[in-house]
């Protein structure tokens, strides 16, 4: 069995073996470049699709953000309310704001 050094000597000494090895190396290098290019194209496509999705859903995202912030405010208000501490006025979780 040949080790790497013996194989390198054989490949560089024999013109046919050198051409075969070089052709395989070139093919592998070209395939690597193609794979990299395809990966970048796929990344660009994915980024564009995500951007379009975010633009299409912008109104929904803003509504969900506002709802999330409101719910956080309601939770804080509920956590700070103790029985017997209500003195009147609007209640944060009351949709009408009348306190009833």
PDB file of N, CA and C in Angstrom:
ATOM      1  N   UNK A   1       0.842  -1.177   0.000  1.00  0.00           N
ATOM      2  CA  UNK A   1       0.000   0.000   0.000  1.00  0.00           C
ATOM      3  C   UNK A   1       0.890   1.244   0.000  1.00  0.00           C
ATOM      4  N   UNK A   2       0.503   2.241  -0.798  1.00  0.00           N
ATOM      5  CA  UNK A   2       1.287   3.468  -0.925  1.00  0.00           C
ATOM      6  C   UNK A   2       0.880   4.479   0.146  1.00  0.00           C
ATOM      7  N   UNK A   3       1.871   5.159   0.701  1.00  0.00           N
ATOM      8  CA  UNK A   3       1.538   6.248   1.607  1.00  0.00           C
ATOM      9  C   UNK A   3       1.434   7.532   0.767  1.00  0.00           C
ATOM     10  N   UNK A   4       1.164   8.643   1.397  1.00  0.00           N
ATOM     11  CA  UNK A   4       0.933   9.893   0.663  1.00  0.00           C
ATOM     12  C   UNK A   4       2.159  10.336  -0.125  1.00  0.00           C
ATOM     13  N   UNK A   5       3.338  10.158   0.442  1.00  0.00           N
ATOM     14  CA  UNK A   5       4.557  10.573  -0.260  1.00  0.00           C
ATOM     15  C   UNK A   5       4.803   9.726  -1.504  1.00  0.00           C
ATOM     16  N   UNK A   6       4.612   8.409  -1.369  1.00  0.00           N
ATOM     17  CA  UNK A   6       4.786   7.522  -2.528  1.00  0.00           C
ATOM     18  C   UNK A   6       3.763   7.860  -3.615  1.00  0.00           C
ATOM     19  N   UNK A   7       2.543   8.146  -3.211  1.00  0.00           N
ATOM     20  CA  UNK A   7       1.491   8.492  -4.158  1.00  0.00           C
ATOM     21  C   UNK A   7       1.818   9.799  -4.866  1.00  0.00           C
ATOM     22  N   UNK A   8       2.312  10.789  -4.111  1.00  0.00           N
ATOM     23  CA  UNK A   8       2.686  12.073  -4.714  1.00  0.00           C
ATOM     24  C   UNK A   8       3.810  11.893  -5.723  1.00  0.00           C
ATOM     25  N   UNK A   9       4.807  11.060  -5.409  1.00  0.00           N
ATOM     26  CA  UNK A   9       5.916  10.799  -6.339  1.00  0.00           C
ATOM     27  C   UNK A   9       5.379  10.136  -7.596  1.00  0.00           C
ATOM     28  N   UNK A  10       4.493   9.144  -7.430  1.00  0.00           N
ATOM     29  CA  UNK A  10       3.930   8.441  -8.576  1.00  0.00           C
ATOM     30  C   UNK A  10       3.134   9.399  -9.464  1.00  0.00           C
ATOM     31  N   UNK A  11       2.284  10.217  -8.855  1.00  0.00           N
ATOM     32  CA  UNK A  11       1.426  11.125  -9.633  1.00  0.00           C
ATOM     33  C   UNK A  11       2.265  12.150 -10.383  1.00  0.00           C
ATOM     34  N   UNK A  12       3.260  12.733  -9.722  1.00  0.00           N
ATOM     35  CA  UNK A  12       4.069  13.763 -10.383  1.00  0.00           C
ATOM     36  C   UNK A  12       5.025  13.182 -11.413  1.00  0.00           C
ATOM     37  N   UNK A  13       5.406  11.927 -11.299  1.00  0.00           N
ATOM     38  CA  UNK A  13       6.353  11.308 -12.234  1.00  0.00           C
ATOM     39  C   UNK A  13       5.667  10.777 -13.489  1.00  0.00           C
ATOM     40  N   UNK A  14       4.426  10.350 -13.375  1.00  0.00           N
ATOM     41  CA  UNK A  14       3.709   9.742 -14.499  1.00  0.00           C
ATOM     42  C   UNK A  14       2.787  10.795 -15.128  1.00  0.00           C
ATOM     43  N   UNK A  15       3.008  11.145 -16.401  1.00  0.00           N
ATOM     44  CA  UNK A  15       2.188  12.192 -17.044  1.00  0.00           C
ATOM     45  C   UNK A  15       0.692  11.859 -17.086  1.00  0.00           C
ATOM     46  N   UNK A  16       0.339  10.608 -17.322  1.00  0.00           N
ATOM     47  CA  UNK A  16      -1.068  10.226 -17.367  1.00  0.00           C
ATOM     48  C   UNK A  16      -1.702  10.345 -15.980  1.00  0.00           C
ATOM     49  N   UNK A  17      -1.001   9.856 -14.967  1.00  0.00           N
ATOM     50  CA  UNK A  17      -1.520   9.959 -13.590  1.00  0.00           C
ATOM     51  C   UNK A  17      -1.655  11.424 -13.190  1.00  0.00           C
ATOM     52  N   UNK A  18      -0.705  12.272 -13.619  1.00  0.00           N
ATOM     53  CA  UNK A  18      -0.757  13.698 -13.297  1.00  0.00           C
ATOM     54  C   UNK A  18      -1.980  14.357 -13.934  1.00  0.00           C
ATOM     55  N   UNK A  19      -2.249  14.028 -15.226  1.00  0.00           N
ATOM     56  CA  UNK A  19      -3.411  14.601 -15.907  1.00  0.00           C
ATOM     57  C   UNK A  19      -4.710  14.142 -15.244  1.00  0.00           C
ATOM     58  N   UNK A  20      -4.786  12.877 -14.869  1.00  0.00           N
ATOM     59  CA  UNK A  20      -5.989  12.357 -14.200  1.00  0.00           C
ATOM     60  C   UNK A  20      -6.190  13.051 -12.855  1.00  0.00           C
ATOM     61  N   UNK A  21      -5.112  13.162 -12.080  1.00  0.00           N
ATOM     62  CA  UNK A  21      -5.217  13.811 -10.770  1.00  0.00           C
ATOM     63  C   UNK A  21      -5.601  15.277 -10.927  1.00  0.00           C
ATOM     64  N   UNK A  22      -4.962  15.973 -11.883  1.00  0.00           N
ATOM     65  CA  UNK A  22      -5.234  17.389 -12.095  1.00  0.00           C
ATOM     66  C   UNK A  22      -6.670  17.602 -12.556  1.00  0.00           C
ATOM     67  N   UNK A  23      -7.167  16.725 -13.426  1.00  0.00           N
ATOM     68  CA  UNK A  23      -8.554  16.827 -13.897  1.00  0.00           C
ATOM     69  C   UNK A  23      -9.514  16.656 -12.717  1.00  0.00           C
ATOM     70  N   UNK A  24      -9.253  15.696 -11.855  1.00  0.00           N
ATOM     71  CA  UNK A  24     -10.090  15.507 -10.668  1.00  0.00           C
ATOM     72  C   UNK A  24     -10.034  16.701  -9.730  1.00  0.00           C
ATOM     73  N   UNK A  25      -8.842  17.270  -9.579  1.00  0.00           N
ATOM     74  CA  UNK A  25      -8.681  18.445  -8.722  1.00  0.00           C
ATOM     75  C   UNK A  25      -9.461  19.628  -9.285  1.00  0.00           C
ATOM     76  N   UNK A  26      -9.330  19.864 -10.606  1.00  0.00           N
ATOM     77  CA  UNK A  26     -10.050  20.966 -11.256  1.00  0.00           C
ATOM     78  C   UNK A  26     -11.562  20.785 -11.140  1.00  0.00           C
ATOM     79  N   UNK A  27     -12.022  19.550 -11.345  1.00  0.00           N
ATOM     80  CA  UNK A  27     -13.454  19.263 -11.235  1.00  0.00           C
ATOM     81  C   UNK A  27     -13.950  19.523  -9.818  1.00  0.00           C
ATOM     82  N   UNK A  28     -13.189  19.072  -8.838  1.00  0.00           N
ATOM     83  CA  UNK A  28     -13.571  19.308  -7.447  1.00  0.00           C
ATOM     84  C   UNK A  28     -13.577  20.780  -7.094  1.00  0.00           C
ATOM     85  N   UNK A  29     -12.600  21.509  -7.581  1.00  0.00           N
ATOM     86  CA  UNK A  29     -12.525  22.945  -7.325  1.00  0.00           C
ATOM     87  C   UNK A  29     -13.699  23.667  -7.977  1.00  0.00           C
ATOM     88  N   UNK A  30     -14.010  23.313  -9.226  1.00  0.00           N
ATOM     89  CA  UNK A  30     -15.137  23.929  -9.928  1.00  0.00           C
ATOM     90  C   UNK A  30     -16.448  23.615  -9.212  1.00  0.00           C
ATOM     91  N   UNK A  31     -16.597  22.367  -8.760  1.00  0.00           N
ATOM     92  CA  UNK A  31     -17.817  21.989  -8.046  1.00  0.00           C
ATOM     93  C   UNK A  31     -17.941  22.781  -6.744  1.00  0.00           C
ATOM     94  N   UNK A  32     -16.816  22.986  -6.068  1.00  0.00           N
ATOM     95  CA  UNK A  32     -16.834  23.781  -4.844  1.00  0.00           C
ATOM     96  C   UNK A  32     -17.275  25.211  -5.100  1.00  0.00           C
ATOM     97  N   UNK A  33     -16.783  25.806  -6.206  1.00  0.00           N
ATOM     98  CA  UNK A  33     -17.203  27.165  -6.566  1.00  0.00           C
ATOM     99  C   UNK A  33     -18.690  27.206  -6.904  1.00  0.00           C
ATOM    100  N   UNK A  34     -19.152  26.199  -7.650  1.00  0.00           N
ATOM    101  CA  UNK A  34     -20.580  26.135  -7.992  1.00  0.00           C
ATOM    102  C   UNK A  34     -21.436  26.001  -6.739  1.00  0.00           C
ATOM    103  N   UNK A  35     -21.004  25.152  -5.817  1.00  0.00           N
ATOM    104  CA  UNK A  35     -21.744  24.978  -4.566  1.00  0.00           C
ATOM    105  C   UNK A  35     -21.803  26.281  -3.781  1.00  0.00           C
ATOM    106  N   UNK A  36     -20.680  27.003  -3.748  1.00  0.00           N
ATOM    107  CA  UNK A  36     -20.637  28.275  -3.032  1.00  0.00           C
ATOM    108  C   UNK A  36     -21.565  29.293  -3.691  1.00  0.00           C
ATOM    109  N   UNK A  37     -21.542  29.361  -5.022  1.00  0.00           N
ATOM    110  CA  UNK A  37     -22.403  30.278  -5.757  1.00  0.00           C
ATOM    111  C   UNK A  37     -23.876  29.932  -5.528  1.00  0.00           C
ATOM    112  N   UNK A  38     -24.195  28.635  -5.591  1.00  0.00           N
ATOM    113  CA  UNK A  38     -25.573  28.203  -5.338  1.00  0.00           C
ATOM    114  C   UNK A  38     -25.995  28.557  -3.921  1.00  0.00           C
ATOM    115  N   UNK A  39     -25.079  28.380  -2.976  1.00  0.00           N
ATOM    116  CA  UNK A  39     -25.395  28.726  -1.593  1.00  0.00           C
ATOM    117  C   UNK A  39     -25.683  30.197  -1.429  1.00  0.00           C
ATOM    118  N   UNK A  40     -24.903  31.043  -2.097  1.00  0.00           N
ATOM    119  CA  UNK A  40     -25.122  32.492  -2.014  1.00  0.00           C
ATOM    120  C   UNK A  40     -26.435  32.875  -2.702  1.00  0.00           C
ATOM    121  N   UNK A  41     -26.736  32.233  -3.836  1.00  0.00           N
ATOM    122  CA  UNK A  41     -28.004  32.500  -4.520  1.00  0.00           C
ATOM    123  C   UNK A  41     -29.177  32.090  -3.640  1.00  0.00           C
ATOM    124  N   UNK A  42     -29.059  30.928  -2.991  1.00  0.00           N
ATOM    125  CA  UNK A  42     -30.119  30.474  -2.101  1.00  0.00           C
ATOM    126  C   UNK A  42     -30.283  31.417  -0.914  1.00  0.00           C
ATOM    127  N   UNK A  43     -29.166  31.904  -0.375  1.00  0.00           N
ATOM    128  CA  UNK A  43     -29.219  32.838   0.740  1.00  0.00           C
ATOM    129  C   UNK A  43     -29.886  34.143   0.320  1.00  0.00           C
ATOM    130  N   UNK A  44     -29.546  34.645  -0.864  1.00  0.00           N
ATOM    131  CA  UNK A  44     -30.158  35.877  -1.363  1.00  0.00           C
ATOM    132  C   UNK A  44     -31.654  35.684  -1.568  1.00  0.00           C
ATOM    133  N   UNK A  45     -32.040  34.533  -2.129  1.00  0.00           N
ATOM    134  CA  UNK A  45     -33.457  34.237  -2.345  1.00  0.00           C
ATOM    135  C   UNK A  45     -34.202  34.148  -1.019  1.00  0.00           C
ATOM    136  N   UNK A  46     -33.617  33.457  -0.043  1.00  0.00           N
ATOM    137  CA  UNK A  46     -34.244  33.325   1.270  1.00  0.00           C
ATOM    138  C   UNK A  46     -34.395  34.682   1.941  1.00  0.00           C
ATOM    139  N   UNK A  47     -33.370  35.521   1.858  1.00  0.00           N
ATOM    140  CA  UNK A  47     -33.430  36.858   2.456  1.00  0.00           C
ATOM    141  C   UNK A  47     -34.528  37.686   1.799  1.00  0.00           C
ATOM    142  N   UNK A  48     -34.615  37.627   0.489  1.00  0.00           N
ATOM    143  CA  UNK A  48     -35.654  38.384  -0.230  1.00  0.00           C
ATOM    144  C   UNK A  48     -37.049  37.901   0.162  1.00  0.00           C
ATOM    145  N   UNK A  49     -37.232  36.582   0.256  1.00  0.00           N
ATOM    146  CA  UNK A  49     -38.550  36.060   0.635  1.00  0.00           C
ATOM    147  C   UNK A  49     -38.919  36.471   2.056  1.00  0.00           C
ATOM    148  N   UNK A  50     -37.952  36.452   2.978  1.00  0.00           N
ATOM    149  CA  UNK A  50     -38.239  36.877   4.353  1.00  0.00           C
ATOM    150  C   UNK A  50     -38.587  38.355   4.407  1.00  0.00           C
ATOM    151  N   UNK A  51     -37.887  39.165   3.621  1.00  0.00           N
ATOM    152  CA  UNK A  51     -38.168  40.600   3.582  1.00  0.00           C
ATOM    153  C   UNK A  51     -39.577  40.849   3.055  1.00  0.00           C
ATOM    154  N   UNK A  52     -39.959  40.154   1.986  1.00  0.00           N
ATOM    155  CA  UNK A  52     -41.313  40.306   1.444  1.00  0.00           C
ATOM    156  C   UNK A  52     -42.367  39.865   2.452  1.00  0.00           C
ATOM    157  N   UNK A  53     -42.105  38.771   3.147  1.00  0.00           N
ATOM    158  CA  UNK A  53     -43.042  38.295   4.158  1.00  0.00           C
ATOM    159  C   UNK A  53     -43.209  39.312   5.273  1.00  0.00           C
ATOM    160  N   UNK A  54     -42.107  39.881   5.734  1.00  0.00           N
ATOM    161  CA  UNK A  54     -42.184  40.905   6.778  1.00  0.00           C
ATOM    162  C   UNK A  54     -42.964  42.124   6.299  1.00  0.00           C
ATOM    163  N   UNK A  55     -42.756  42.530   5.048  1.00  0.00           N
ATOM    164  CA  UNK A  55     -43.501  43.671   4.508  1.00  0.00           C
ATOM    165  C   UNK A  55     -44.989  43.349   4.409  1.00  0.00           C
ATOM    166  N   UNK A  56     -45.305  42.139   3.952  1.00  0.00           N
ATOM    167  CA  UNK A  56     -46.709  41.741   3.829  1.00  0.00           C
ATOM    168  C   UNK A  56     -47.405  41.660   5.182  1.00  0.00           C
ATOM    169  N   UNK A  57     -46.659  41.288   6.211  1.00  0.00           N
ATOM    170  CA  UNK A  57     -47.249  41.078   7.533  1.00  0.00           C
ATOM    171  C   UNK A  57     -47.025  42.267   8.481  1.00  0.00           C
ATOM    172  N   UNK A  58     -46.565  43.393   7.956  1.00  0.00           N
ATOM    173  CA  UNK A  58     -46.192  44.521   8.812  1.00  0.00           C
ATOM    174  C   UNK A  58     -47.350  44.980   9.705  1.00  0.00           C
ATOM    175  N   UNK A  59     -48.545  45.108   9.147  1.00  0.00           N
ATOM    176  CA  UNK A  59     -49.698  45.566   9.929  1.00  0.00           C
ATOM    177  C   UNK A  59     -49.999  44.579  11.062  1.00  0.00           C
ATOM    178  N   UNK A  60     -49.947  43.291  10.745  1.00  0.00           N
ATOM    179  CA  UNK A  60     -50.207  42.263  11.756  1.00  0.00           C
ATOM    180  C   UNK A  60     -49.129  42.289  12.841  1.00  0.00           C
ATOM    181  N   UNK A  61     -47.873  42.450  12.435  1.00  0.00           N
ATOM    182  CA  UNK A  61     -46.769  42.489  13.408  1.00  0.00           C
ATOM    183  C   UNK A  61     -46.923  43.682  14.338  1.00  0.00           C
ATOM    184  N   UNK A  62     -47.279  44.853  13.786  1.00  0.00           N
ATOM    185  CA  UNK A  62     -47.483  46.047  14.621  1.00  0.00           C
ATOM    186  C   UNK A  62     -48.639  45.848  15.601  1.00  0.00           C
ATOM    187  N   UNK A  63     -49.722  45.226  15.132  1.00  0.00           N
ATOM    188  CA  UNK A  63     -50.872  44.978  16.013  1.00  0.00           C
ATOM    189  C   UNK A  63     -50.491  44.013  17.131  1.00  0.00           C
ATOM    190  N   UNK A  64     -49.733  42.963  16.797  1.00  0.00           N
ATOM    191  CA  UNK A  64     -49.310  42.012  17.822  1.00  0.00           C
ATOM    192  C   UNK A  64     -48.372  42.660  18.833  1.00  0.00           C
ATOM    193  N   UNK A  65     -47.494  43.532  18.362  1.00  0.00           N
ATOM    194  CA  UNK A  65     -46.588  44.238  19.263  1.00  0.00           C
ATOM    195  C   UNK A  65     -47.382  45.126  20.220  1.00  0.00           C
ATOM    196  N   UNK A  66     -48.353  45.879  19.677  1.00  0.00           N
ATOM    197  CA  UNK A  66     -49.175  46.739  20.532  1.00  0.00           C
ATOM    198  C   UNK A  66     -49.954  45.902  21.537  1.00  0.00           C
ATOM    199  N   UNK A  67     -50.495  44.773  21.099  1.00  0.00           N
ATOM    200  CA  UNK A  67     -51.247  43.899  21.991  1.00  0.00           C
ATOM    201  C   UNK A  67     -50.340  43.339  23.086  1.00  0.00           C
ATOM    202  N   UNK A  68     -49.131  42.956  22.715  1.00  0.00           N
ATOM    203  CA  UNK A  68     -48.181  42.428  23.696  1.00  0.00           C
ATOM    204  C   UNK A  68     -47.832  43.472  24.743  1.00  0.00           C
ATOM    205  N   UNK A  69     -47.584  44.701  24.304  1.00  0.00           N
ATOM    206  CA  UNK A  69     -47.263  45.780  25.247  1.00  0.00           C
ATOM    207  C   UNK A  69     -48.450  46.076  26.159  1.00  0.00           C
ATOM    208  N   UNK A  70     -49.663  46.061  25.604  1.00  0.00           N
ATOM    209  CA  UNK A  70     -50.861  46.299  26.413  1.00  0.00           C
ATOM    210  C   UNK A  70     -51.033  45.194  27.441  1.00  0.00           C
ATOM    211  N   UNK A  71     -50.837  43.950  27.033  1.00  0.00           N
ATOM    212  CA  UNK A  71     -50.982  42.843  27.978  1.00  0.00           C
ATOM    213  C   UNK A  71     -49.933  42.923  29.090  1.00  0.00           C
ATOM    214  N   UNK A  72     -48.730  43.378  28.772  1.00  0.00           N
ATOM    215  CA  UNK A  72     -47.701  43.542  29.802  1.00  0.00           C
ATOM    216  C   UNK A  72     -48.137  44.620  30.800  1.00  0.00           C
ATOM    217  N   UNK A  73     -48.731  45.690  30.292  1.00  0.00           N
ATOM    218  CA  UNK A  73     -49.226  46.760  31.167  1.00  0.00           C
ATOM    219  C   UNK A  73     -50.357  46.243  32.053  1.00  0.00           C
ATOM    220  N   UNK A  74     -51.242  45.447  31.484  1.00  0.00           N
ATOM    221  CA  UNK A  74     -52.345  44.861  32.255  1.00  0.00           C
ATOM    222  C   UNK A  74     -51.804  43.948  33.349  1.00  0.00           C
ATOM    223  N   UNK A  75     -50.820  43.129  33.027  1.00  0.00           N
ATOM    224  CA  UNK A  75     -50.243  42.230  34.034  1.00  0.00           C
ATOM    225  C   UNK A  75     -49.602  43.019  35.176  1.00  0.00           C
ATOM    226  N   UNK A  76     -48.904  44.105  34.817  1.00  0.00           N
ATOM    227  CA  UNK A  76     -48.303  44.938  35.886  1.00  0.00           C
ATOM    228  C   UNK A  76     -49.386  45.548  36.755  1.00  0.00           C
ATOM    229  N   UNK A  77     -50.459  46.038  36.128  1.00  0.00           N
ATOM    230  CA  UNK A  77     -51.548  46.658  36.890  1.00  0.00           C
ATOM    231  C   UNK A  77     -52.231  45.636  37.792  1.00  0.00           C
ATOM    232  N   UNK A  78     -52.469  44.459  37.280  1.00  0.00           N
ATOM    233  CA  UNK A  78     -53.110  43.412  38.089  1.00  0.00           C
ATOM    234  C   UNK A  78     -52.202  42.991  39.244  1.00  0.00           C
ATOM    235  N   UNK A  79     -50.896  42.902  38.968  1.00  0.00           N
ATOM    236  CA  UNK A  79     -49.958  42.479  40.015  1.00  0.00           C
ATOM    237  C   UNK A  79     -49.868  43.513  41.137  1.00  0.00           C
ATOM    238  N   UNK A  80     -50.063  44.775  40.807  1.00  0.00           N
ATOM    239  CA  UNK A  80     -49.943  45.816  41.837  1.00  0.00           C
ATOM    240  C   UNK A  80     -51.274  46.127  42.514  1.00  0.00           C
ATOM    241  N   UNK A  81     -52.365  45.494  42.071  1.00  0.00           N
ATOM    242  CA  UNK A  81     -53.686  45.739  42.667  1.00  0.00           C
ATOM    243  C   UNK A  81     -53.933  44.732  43.788  1.00  0.00           C
ATOM    244  N   UNK A  82     -54.285  45.249  44.944  1.00  0.00           N
ATOM    245  CA  UNK A  82     -54.617  44.392  46.085  1.00  0.00           C
ATOM    246  C   UNK A  82     -56.096  44.570  46.414  1.00  0.00           C
ATOM    247  N   UNK A  83     -56.721  43.566  46.975  1.00  0.00           N
ATOM    248  CA  UNK A  83     -58.129  43.737  47.376  1.00  0.00           C
ATOM    249  C   UNK A  83     -58.259  44.930  48.320  1.00  0.00           C
ATOM    250  N   UNK A  84     -59.254  45.760  48.024  1.00  0.00           N
ATOM    251  CA  UNK A  84     -59.523  46.917  48.876  1.00  0.00           C
ATOM    252  C   UNK A  84     -58.704  48.140  48.521  1.00  0.00           C
ATOM    253  N   UNK A  85     -57.845  48.067  47.515  1.00  0.00           N
ATOM    254  CA  UNK A  85     -57.015  49.224  47.177  1.00  0.00           C
ATOM    255  C   UNK A  85     -57.611  50.067  46.048  1.00  0.00           C
ATOM    256  N   UNK A  86     -58.685  49.609  45.423  1.00  0.00           N
ATOM    257  CA  UNK A  86     -59.284  50.352  44.311  1.00  0.00           C
ATOM    258  C   UNK A  86     -60.026  51.559  44.855  1.00  0.00           C
ATOM    259  N   UNK A  87     -59.730  52.744  44.316  1.00  0.00           N
ATOM    260  CA  UNK A  87     -60.360  53.979  44.762  1.00  0.00           C
ATOM    261  C   UNK A  87     -61.200  54.629  43.674  1.00  0.00           C
ATOM    262  N   UNK A  88     -61.455  53.915  42.593  1.00  0.00           N
ATOM    263  CA  UNK A  88     -62.254  54.467  41.498  1.00  0.00           C
ATOM    264  C   UNK A  88     -61.361  54.875  40.339  1.00  0.00           C
ATOM    265  N   UNK A  89     -61.974  55.212  39.219  1.00  0.00           N
ATOM    266  CA  UNK A  89     -61.223  55.606  38.034  1.00  0.00           C
ATOM    267  C   UNK A  89     -61.091  54.445  37.059  1.00  0.00           C
ATOM    268  N   UNK A  90     -60.494  54.722  35.920  1.00  0.00           N
ATOM    269  CA  UNK A  90     -60.382  53.673  34.895  1.00  0.00           C
ATOM    270  C   UNK A  90     -59.452  52.540  35.333  1.00  0.00           C
ATOM    271  N   UNK A  91     -59.804  51.353  34.899  1.00  0.00           N
ATOM    272  CA  UNK A  91     -59.005  50.163  35.192  1.00  0.00           C
ATOM    273  C   UNK A  91     -58.307  49.769  33.885  1.00  0.00           C
ATOM    274  N   UNK A  92     -57.017  49.460  33.966  1.00  0.00           N
ATOM    275  CA  UNK A  92     -56.217  49.198  32.764  1.00  0.00           C
ATOM    276  C   UNK A  92     -56.771  48.068  31.916  1.00  0.00           C
ATOM    277  N   UNK A  93     -57.352  47.045  32.517  1.00  0.00           N
ATOM    278  CA  UNK A  93     -57.829  45.906  31.729  1.00  0.00           C
ATOM    279  C   UNK A  93     -59.298  46.018  31.359  1.00  0.00           C
ATOM    280  N   UNK A  94     -59.941  47.123  31.727  1.00  0.00           N
ATOM    281  CA  UNK A  94     -61.324  47.347  31.360  1.00  0.00           C
ATOM    282  C   UNK A  94     -61.360  47.975  29.977  1.00  0.00           C
ATOM    283  N   UNK A  95     -61.940  47.278  28.975  1.00  0.00           N
ATOM    284  CA  UNK A  95     -61.900  47.759  27.612  1.00  0.00           C
ATOM    285  C   UNK A  95     -62.669  49.075  27.434  1.00  0.00           C
ATOM    286  N   UNK A  96     -63.689  49.289  28.228  1.00  0.00           N
ATOM    287  CA  UNK A  96     -64.461  50.519  28.132  1.00  0.00           C
ATOM    288  C   UNK A  96     -63.788  51.669  28.870  1.00  0.00           C
ATOM    289  N   UNK A  97     -62.957  51.329  29.879  1.00  0.00           N
ATOM    290  CA  UNK A  97     -62.290  52.346  30.666  1.00  0.00           C
ATOM    291  C   UNK A  97     -63.223  52.992  31.695  1.00  0.00           C
ATOM    292  N   UNK A  98     -64.397  52.346  31.956  1.00  0.00           N
ATOM    293  CA  UNK A  98     -65.355  52.935  32.893  1.00  0.00           C
ATOM    294  C   UNK A  98     -65.193  52.390  34.289  1.00  0.00           C
ATOM    295  N   UNK A  99     -64.485  51.275  34.446  1.00  0.00           N
ATOM    296  CA  UNK A  99     -64.316  50.703  35.773  1.00  0.00           C
ATOM    297  C   UNK A  99     -65.485  49.861  36.209  1.00  0.00           C
ATOM    298  N   UNK A 100     -66.464  49.681  35.370  1.00  0.00           N
ATOM    299  CA  UNK A 100     -67.630  48.876  35.748  1.00  0.00           C
ATOM    300  C   UNK A 100     -67.556  47.519  35.150  1.00  0.00           C
TER     301      UNK A 100
END
